[in-house]
PDB file of N, CA and C in Angstrom:
ATOM      1  N   HIS A   1      12.400  -5.963   2.187  1.00  0.00           N
ATOM      2  CA  HIS A   1      11.098  -5.561   2.535  1.00  0.00           C
ATOM      3  C   HIS A   1      10.657  -4.276   1.541  1.00  0.00           C
ATOM      4  N   LEU A   2       9.370  -4.252   1.485  1.00  0.00           N
ATOM      5  CA  LEU A   2       8.721  -3.210   0.565  1.00  0.00           C
ATOM      6  C   LEU A   2       8.832  -1.887   1.368  1.00  0.00           C
ATOM      7  N   GLY A   3       9.426  -0.867   0.740  1.00  0.00           N
ATOM      8  CA  GLY A   3       9.377   0.350   1.300  1.00  0.00           C
ATOM      9  C   GLY A   3       8.452   1.316   0.480  1.00  0.00           C
ATOM     10  N   PRO A   4       8.115   2.458   0.995  1.00  0.00           N
ATOM     11  CA  PRO A   4       7.187   3.372   0.283  1.00  0.00           C
ATOM     12  C   PRO A   4       7.844   3.825  -1.046  1.00  0.00           C
ATOM     13  N   GLU A   5       9.140   3.836  -1.202  1.00  0.00           N
ATOM     14  CA  GLU A   5       9.803   4.217  -2.322  1.00  0.00           C
ATOM     15  C   GLU A   5       9.551   3.236  -3.481  1.00  0.00           C
ATOM     16  N   HIS A   6       9.141   2.097  -3.173  1.00  0.00           N
ATOM     17  CA  HIS A   6       8.826   0.964  -4.219  1.00  0.00           C
ATOM     18  C   HIS A   6       7.433   0.990  -4.798  1.00  0.00           C
ATOM     19  N   LEU A   7       6.603   1.814  -4.246  1.00  0.00           N
ATOM     20  CA  LEU A   7       5.312   1.814  -4.676  1.00  0.00           C
ATOM     21  C   LEU A   7       5.051   2.247  -6.176  1.00  0.00           C
ATOM     22  N   ARG A   8       5.813   3.303  -6.461  1.00  0.00           N
ATOM     23  CA  ARG A   8       5.699   3.815  -7.937  1.00  0.00           C
ATOM     24  C   ARG A   8       6.130   2.724  -8.873  1.00  0.00           C
ATOM     25  N   GLU A   9       7.043   1.950  -8.640  1.00  0.00           N
ATOM     26  CA  GLU A   9       7.445   0.930  -9.510  1.00  0.00           C
ATOM     27  C   GLU A   9       6.404  -0.203  -9.620  1.00  0.00           C
ATOM     28  N   ILE A  10       5.757  -0.602  -8.496  1.00  0.00           N
ATOM     29  CA  ILE A  10       4.674  -1.475  -8.540  1.00  0.00           C
ATOM     30  C   ILE A  10       3.497  -0.925  -9.377  1.00  0.00           C
ATOM     31  N   ILE A  11       3.219   0.345  -9.252  1.00  0.00           N
ATOM     32  CA  ILE A  11       2.182   0.897  -9.986  1.00  0.00           C
ATOM     33  C   ILE A  11       2.500   0.868 -11.484  1.00  0.00           C
ATOM     34  N   ARG A  12       3.762   1.193 -11.823  1.00  0.00           N
ATOM     35  CA  ARG A  12       4.264   1.190 -13.207  1.00  0.00           C
ATOM     36  C   ARG A  12       4.077  -0.096 -13.897  1.00  0.00           C
ATOM     37  N   VAL A  13       4.329  -1.186 -13.197  1.00  0.00           N
ATOM     38  CA  VAL A  13       4.381  -2.472 -13.865  1.00  0.00           C
ATOM     39  C   VAL A  13       2.929  -3.205 -13.942  1.00  0.00           C
ATOM     40  N   VAL A  14       2.017  -2.744 -13.183  1.00  0.00           N
ATOM     41  CA  VAL A  14       0.631  -3.345 -13.271  1.00  0.00           C
ATOM     42  C   VAL A  14      -0.218  -2.642 -14.409  1.00  0.00           C
ATOM     43  N   ARG A  15      -1.155  -3.337 -14.751  1.00  0.00           N
ATOM     44  CA  ARG A  15      -2.065  -2.778 -15.786  1.00  0.00           C
ATOM     45  C   ARG A  15      -2.854  -1.675 -15.223  1.00  0.00           C
ATOM     46  N   PRO A  16      -3.333  -0.737 -16.120  1.00  0.00           N
ATOM     47  CA  PRO A  16      -4.256   0.324 -15.607  1.00  0.00           C
ATOM     48  C   PRO A  16      -5.514  -0.222 -14.962  1.00  0.00           C
ATOM     49  N   SER A  17      -5.771   0.301 -13.809  1.00  0.00           N
ATOM     50  CA  SER A  17      -6.944  -0.098 -13.037  1.00  0.00           C
ATOM     51  C   SER A  17      -6.838  -1.486 -12.404  1.00  0.00           C
ATOM     52  N   ALA A  18      -5.662  -1.940 -12.331  1.00  0.00           N
ATOM     53  CA  ALA A  18      -5.327  -3.337 -11.739  1.00  0.00           C
ATOM     54  C   ALA A  18      -5.423  -3.125 -10.221  1.00  0.00           C
ATOM     55  N   PRO A  19      -5.895  -4.256  -9.498  1.00  0.00           N
ATOM     56  CA  PRO A  19      -5.953  -4.185  -8.145  1.00  0.00           C
ATOM     57  C   PRO A  19      -4.529  -4.373  -7.569  1.00  0.00           C
ATOM     58  N   ILE A  20      -4.174  -3.679  -6.434  1.00  0.00           N
ATOM     59  CA  ILE A  20      -2.928  -3.779  -5.852  1.00  0.00           C
ATOM     60  C   ILE A  20      -3.170  -4.078  -4.397  1.00  0.00           C
ATOM     61  N   VAL A  21      -2.694  -5.236  -3.807  1.00  0.00           N
ATOM     62  CA  VAL A  21      -2.907  -5.702  -2.416  1.00  0.00           C
ATOM     63  C   VAL A  21      -1.560  -5.857  -1.809  1.00  0.00           C
ATOM     64  N   ILE A  22      -1.392  -5.161  -0.618  1.00  0.00           N
ATOM     65  CA  ILE A  22      -0.210  -5.152   0.152  1.00  0.00           C
ATOM     66  C   ILE A  22      -0.539  -5.495   1.583  1.00  0.00           C
ATOM     67  N   TYR A  23       0.118  -6.490   2.180  1.00  0.00           N
ATOM     68  CA  TYR A  23      -0.050  -6.893   3.585  1.00  0.00           C
ATOM     69  C   TYR A  23       1.362  -6.736   4.170  1.00  0.00           C
ATOM     70  N   MET A  24       1.305  -5.890   5.307  1.00  0.00           N
ATOM     71  CA  MET A  24       2.621  -5.599   5.923  1.00  0.00           C
ATOM     72  C   MET A  24       2.554  -5.439   7.436  1.00  0.00           C
ATOM     73  N   ASN A  25       3.699  -5.457   8.052  1.00  0.00           N
ATOM     74  CA  ASN A  25       3.779  -5.194   9.450  1.00  0.00           C
ATOM     75  C   ASN A  25       3.448  -3.662   9.689  1.00  0.00           C
ATOM     76  N   ALA A  26       2.528  -3.428  10.610  1.00  0.00           N
ATOM     77  CA  ALA A  26       2.079  -2.092  10.821  1.00  0.00           C
ATOM     78  C   ALA A  26       3.195  -1.140  11.404  1.00  0.00           C
ATOM     79  N   GLU A  27       4.155  -1.750  12.118  1.00  0.00           N
ATOM     80  CA  GLU A  27       5.228  -0.969  12.675  1.00  0.00           C
ATOM     81  C   GLU A  27       6.027  -0.378  11.557  1.00  0.00           C
ATOM     82  N   HIS A  28       6.336  -1.238  10.548  1.00  0.00           N
ATOM     83  CA  HIS A  28       7.044  -0.707   9.230  1.00  0.00           C
ATOM     84  C   HIS A  28       6.226   0.266   8.540  1.00  0.00           C
ATOM     85  N   PHE A  29       4.906   0.114   8.569  1.00  0.00           N
ATOM     86  CA  PHE A  29       3.988   1.053   7.952  1.00  0.00           C
ATOM     87  C   PHE A  29       4.122   2.477   8.561  1.00  0.00           C
ATOM     88  N   ASP A  30       4.137   2.449   9.940  1.00  0.00           N
ATOM     89  CA  ASP A  30       4.190   3.614  10.686  1.00  0.00           C
ATOM     90  C   ASP A  30       5.604   4.234  10.600  1.00  0.00           C
ATOM     91  N   VAL A  31       6.725   3.506  10.815  1.00  0.00           N
ATOM     92  CA  VAL A  31       8.012   4.056  10.801  1.00  0.00           C
ATOM     93  C   VAL A  31       8.436   4.649   9.467  1.00  0.00           C
ATOM     94  N   LYS A  32       8.098   3.855   8.423  1.00  0.00           N
ATOM     95  CA  LYS A  32       8.488   4.315   7.083  1.00  0.00           C
ATOM     96  C   LYS A  32       7.497   5.427   6.473  1.00  0.00           C
ATOM     97  N   ASN A  33       6.515   5.809   7.325  1.00  0.00           N
ATOM     98  CA  ASN A  33       5.664   6.881   6.831  1.00  0.00           C
ATOM     99  C   ASN A  33       4.850   6.552   5.525  1.00  0.00           C
ATOM    100  N   PHE A  34       4.362   5.404   5.484  1.00  0.00           N
ATOM    101  CA  PHE A  34       3.505   5.043   4.324  1.00  0.00           C
ATOM    102  C   PHE A  34       2.344   5.899   4.220  1.00  0.00           C
ATOM    103  N   PRO A  35       1.614   6.340   5.123  1.00  0.00           N
ATOM    104  CA  PRO A  35       0.447   7.142   4.926  1.00  0.00           C
ATOM    105  C   PRO A  35       0.644   8.366   4.035  1.00  0.00           C
ATOM    106  N   ASP A  36       1.822   9.127   4.320  1.00  0.00           N
ATOM    107  CA  ASP A  36       2.128  10.216   3.533  1.00  0.00           C
ATOM    108  C   ASP A  36       2.308   9.864   2.046  1.00  0.00           C
ATOM    109  N   THR A  37       2.977   8.749   1.773  1.00  0.00           N
ATOM    110  CA  THR A  37       3.229   8.302   0.411  1.00  0.00           C
ATOM    111  C   THR A  37       1.890   7.837  -0.284  1.00  0.00           C
ATOM    112  N   LEU A  38       1.084   7.141   0.420  1.00  0.00           N
ATOM    113  CA  LEU A  38      -0.213   6.683  -0.086  1.00  0.00           C
ATOM    114  C   LEU A  38      -0.988   7.978  -0.480  1.00  0.00           C
ATOM    115  N   ASN A  39      -1.064   8.914   0.368  1.00  0.00           N
ATOM    116  CA  ASN A  39      -1.884  10.116   0.047  1.00  0.00           C
ATOM    117  C   ASN A  39      -1.325  10.902  -1.129  1.00  0.00           C
ATOM    118  N   LYS A  40       0.026  11.004  -1.198  1.00  0.00           N
ATOM    119  CA  LYS A  40       0.636  11.658  -2.369  1.00  0.00           C
ATOM    120  C   LYS A  40       0.371  10.973  -3.635  1.00  0.00           C
ATOM    121  N   LEU A  41       0.362   9.539  -3.715  1.00  0.00           N
ATOM    122  CA  LEU A  41       0.139   8.742  -4.938  1.00  0.00           C
ATOM    123  C   LEU A  41      -1.317   8.992  -5.370  1.00  0.00           C
ATOM    124  N   GLU A  42      -2.228   9.111  -4.340  1.00  0.00           N
ATOM    125  CA  GLU A  42      -3.576   9.373  -4.593  1.00  0.00           C
ATOM    126  C   GLU A  42      -3.770  10.776  -5.175  1.00  0.00           C
ATOM    127  N   ASP A  43      -3.160  11.761  -4.612  1.00  0.00           N
ATOM    128  CA  ASP A  43      -3.257  13.185  -5.098  1.00  0.00           C
ATOM    129  C   ASP A  43      -2.747  13.257  -6.502  1.00  0.00           C
ATOM    130  N   GLU A  44      -1.746  12.439  -6.926  1.00  0.00           N
ATOM    131  CA  GLU A  44      -1.126  12.538  -8.222  1.00  0.00           C
ATOM    132  C   GLU A  44      -1.956  11.726  -9.209  1.00  0.00           C
ATOM    133  N   GLY A  45      -3.044  10.972  -8.680  1.00  0.00           N
ATOM    134  CA  GLY A  45      -3.928  10.179  -9.534  1.00  0.00           C
ATOM    135  C   GLY A  45      -3.193   8.865 -10.050  1.00  0.00           C
ATOM    136  N   LEU A  46      -2.194   8.415  -9.249  1.00  0.00           N
ATOM    137  CA  LEU A  46      -1.388   7.179  -9.646  1.00  0.00           C
ATOM    138  C   LEU A  46      -2.134   5.916  -9.158  1.00  0.00           C
ATOM    139  N   TRP A  47      -2.872   6.146  -8.036  1.00  0.00           N
ATOM    140  CA  TRP A  47      -3.619   4.953  -7.539  1.00  0.00           C
ATOM    141  C   TRP A  47      -4.735   5.443  -6.747  1.00  0.00           C
ATOM    142  N   HIS A  48      -5.649   4.661  -6.462  1.00  0.00           N
ATOM    143  CA  HIS A  48      -6.891   4.895  -5.624  1.00  0.00           C
ATOM    144  C   HIS A  48      -6.924   3.958  -4.547  1.00  0.00           C
ATOM    145  N   ALA A  49      -6.786   4.375  -3.251  1.00  0.00           N
ATOM    146  CA  ALA A  49      -6.858   3.457  -2.134  1.00  0.00           C
ATOM    147  C   ALA A  49      -8.292   3.130  -1.915  1.00  0.00           C
ATOM    148  N   LEU A  50      -8.568   1.849  -1.840  1.00  0.00           N
ATOM    149  CA  LEU A  50      -9.846   1.350  -1.547  1.00  0.00           C
ATOM    150  C   LEU A  50     -10.100   1.125  -0.057  1.00  0.00           C
ATOM    151  N   SER A  51      -9.029   0.604   0.594  1.00  0.00           N
ATOM    152  CA  SER A  51      -9.103   0.441   2.003  1.00  0.00           C
ATOM    153  C   SER A  51      -7.746   0.334   2.572  1.00  0.00           C
ATOM    154  N   VAL A  52      -7.545   0.652   3.860  1.00  0.00           N
ATOM    155  CA  VAL A  52      -6.386   0.395   4.677  1.00  0.00           C
ATOM    156  C   VAL A  52      -6.941  -0.033   5.995  1.00  0.00           C
ATOM    157  N   GLU A  53      -6.674  -1.373   6.320  1.00  0.00           N
ATOM    158  CA  GLU A  53      -7.322  -1.989   7.435  1.00  0.00           C
ATOM    159  C   GLU A  53      -6.245  -2.448   8.413  1.00  0.00           C
ATOM    160  N   ASP A  54      -6.559  -2.444   9.701  1.00  0.00           N
ATOM    161  CA  ASP A  54      -5.682  -3.089  10.748  1.00  0.00           C
ATOM    162  C   ASP A  54      -6.057  -4.570  10.743  1.00  0.00           C
ATOM    163  N   SER A  55      -4.969  -5.306  10.994  1.00  0.00           N
ATOM    164  CA  SER A  55      -5.197  -6.781  11.199  1.00  0.00           C
ATOM    165  C   SER A  55      -4.017  -7.334  12.063  1.00  0.00           C
ATOM    166  N   ASN A  56      -4.100  -8.593  12.372  1.00  0.00           N
ATOM    167  CA  ASN A  56      -3.086  -9.265  13.082  1.00  0.00           C
ATOM    168  C   ASN A  56      -2.090  -9.850  11.997  1.00  0.00           C
ATOM    169  N   TYR A  57      -0.833  -9.277  12.062  1.00  0.00           N
ATOM    170  CA  TYR A  57       0.182  -9.702  11.017  1.00  0.00           C
ATOM    171  C   TYR A  57       0.562 -11.196  11.153  1.00  0.00           C
ATOM    172  N   MET A  58       0.691 -11.639  12.276  1.00  0.00           N
ATOM    173  CA  MET A  58       1.148 -13.065  12.572  1.00  0.00           C
ATOM    174  C   MET A  58       0.248 -13.755  13.518  1.00  0.00           C
ATOM    175  N   ASP A  59      -0.174 -14.947  13.200  1.00  0.00           N
ATOM    176  CA  ASP A  59      -1.027 -15.647  14.157  1.00  0.00           C
ATOM    177  C   ASP A  59      -0.442 -16.056  15.419  1.00  0.00           C
ATOM    178  N   GLN A  60       0.858 -16.367  15.365  1.00  0.00           N
ATOM    179  CA  GLN A  60       1.535 -16.890  16.534  1.00  0.00           C
ATOM    180  C   GLN A  60       1.872 -15.934  17.668  1.00  0.00           C
ATOM    181  N   ILE A  61       1.975 -14.701  17.187  1.00  0.00           N
ATOM    182  CA  ILE A  61       2.318 -13.512  18.128  1.00  0.00           C
ATOM    183  C   ILE A  61       1.291 -12.425  17.799  1.00  0.00           C
ATOM    184  N   ASP A  62       1.287 -11.531  18.806  1.00  0.00           N
ATOM    185  CA  ASP A  62       0.417 -10.341  18.625  1.00  0.00           C
ATOM    186  C   ASP A  62       1.213  -9.293  17.940  1.00  0.00           C
ATOM    187  N   ARG A  63       1.168  -9.237  16.602  1.00  0.00           N
ATOM    188  CA  ARG A  63       1.823  -8.182  15.855  1.00  0.00           C
ATOM    189  C   ARG A  63       0.906  -7.563  14.939  1.00  0.00           C
ATOM    190  N   ARG A  64       0.838  -6.151  15.082  1.00  0.00           N
ATOM    191  CA  ARG A  64      -0.141  -5.461  14.258  1.00  0.00           C
ATOM    192  C   ARG A  64       0.236  -5.470  12.808  1.00  0.00           C
ATOM    193  N   GLY A  65      -0.792  -5.545  11.966  1.00  0.00           N
ATOM    194  CA  GLY A  65      -0.461  -5.625  10.458  1.00  0.00           C
ATOM    195  C   GLY A  65      -1.325  -4.461   9.800  1.00  0.00           C
ATOM    196  N   LYS A  66      -1.114  -4.271   8.507  1.00  0.00           N
ATOM    197  CA  LYS A  66      -1.896  -3.452   7.693  1.00  0.00           C
ATOM    198  C   LYS A  66      -2.229  -4.135   6.368  1.00  0.00           C
ATOM    199  N   LEU A  67      -3.532  -4.159   5.987  1.00  0.00           N
ATOM    200  CA  LEU A  67      -3.939  -4.630   4.751  1.00  0.00           C
ATOM    201  C   LEU A  67      -4.301  -3.391   3.895  1.00  0.00           C
ATOM    202  N   ILE A  68      -3.570  -3.301   2.782  1.00  0.00           N
ATOM    203  CA  ILE A  68      -3.827  -2.090   1.924  1.00  0.00           C
ATOM    204  C   ILE A  68      -4.356  -2.666   0.591  1.00  0.00           C
ATOM    205  N   VAL A  69      -5.524  -2.144   0.262  1.00  0.00           N
ATOM    206  CA  VAL A  69      -6.154  -2.571  -1.095  1.00  0.00           C
ATOM    207  C   VAL A  69      -6.339  -1.286  -1.875  1.00  0.00           C
ATOM    208  N   ALA A  70      -5.836  -1.353  -3.093  1.00  0.00           N
ATOM    209  CA  ALA A  70      -5.908  -0.094  -3.918  1.00  0.00           C
ATOM    210  C   ALA A  70      -6.098  -0.493  -5.412  1.00  0.00           C
ATOM    211  N   ARG A  71      -6.170   0.436  -6.227  1.00  0.00           N
ATOM    212  CA  ARG A  71      -6.397   0.190  -7.681  1.00  0.00           C
ATOM    213  C   ARG A  71      -5.427   1.197  -8.415  1.00  0.00           C
ATOM    214  N   SER A  72      -4.715   0.609  -9.312  1.00  0.00           N
ATOM    215  CA  SER A  72      -3.870   1.584 -10.155  1.00  0.00           C
ATOM    216  C   SER A  72      -4.625   2.540 -10.826  1.00  0.00           C
ATOM    217  N   GLY A  73      -4.197   3.802 -10.859  1.00  0.00           N
ATOM    218  CA  GLY A  73      -4.814   4.914 -11.481  1.00  0.00           C
ATOM    219  C   GLY A  73      -4.277   5.303 -12.732  1.00  0.00           C
ATOM    220  N   ARG A  74      -3.164   4.707 -13.075  1.00  0.00           N
ATOM    221  CA  ARG A  74      -2.348   5.348 -14.265  1.00  0.00           C
ATOM    222  C   ARG A  74      -3.203   5.041 -15.583  1.00  0.00           C
ATOM    223  N   ALA A  75      -3.048   6.001 -16.446  1.00  0.00           N
ATOM    224  CA  ALA A  75      -3.817   5.842 -17.629  1.00  0.00           C
ATOM    225  C   ALA A  75      -3.220   4.930 -18.645  1.00  0.00           C
ATOM    226  N   THR A  76      -4.146   4.484 -19.635  1.00  0.00           N
ATOM    227  CA  THR A  76      -3.603   3.413 -20.560  1.00  0.00           C
ATOM    228  C   THR A  76      -2.760   3.983 -21.552  1.00  0.00           C
TER     229      THR A  76
END
């Protein structure tokens, strides 16, 4: 599973200003404290969050999800 510690590597391997889309279980989002990491990456100029939306992670069961859409902010 993707943890907040993996986001820097994702940013490193994508092109500058590339879109980054992450869809994940909201419980994992909360327990792993993704909001703090997302804010820190934004403050460091490494990415720009465009949206963080709630959704249903699985159709068959009621499981909260998060859709994160961002853009890489690293320089060329």
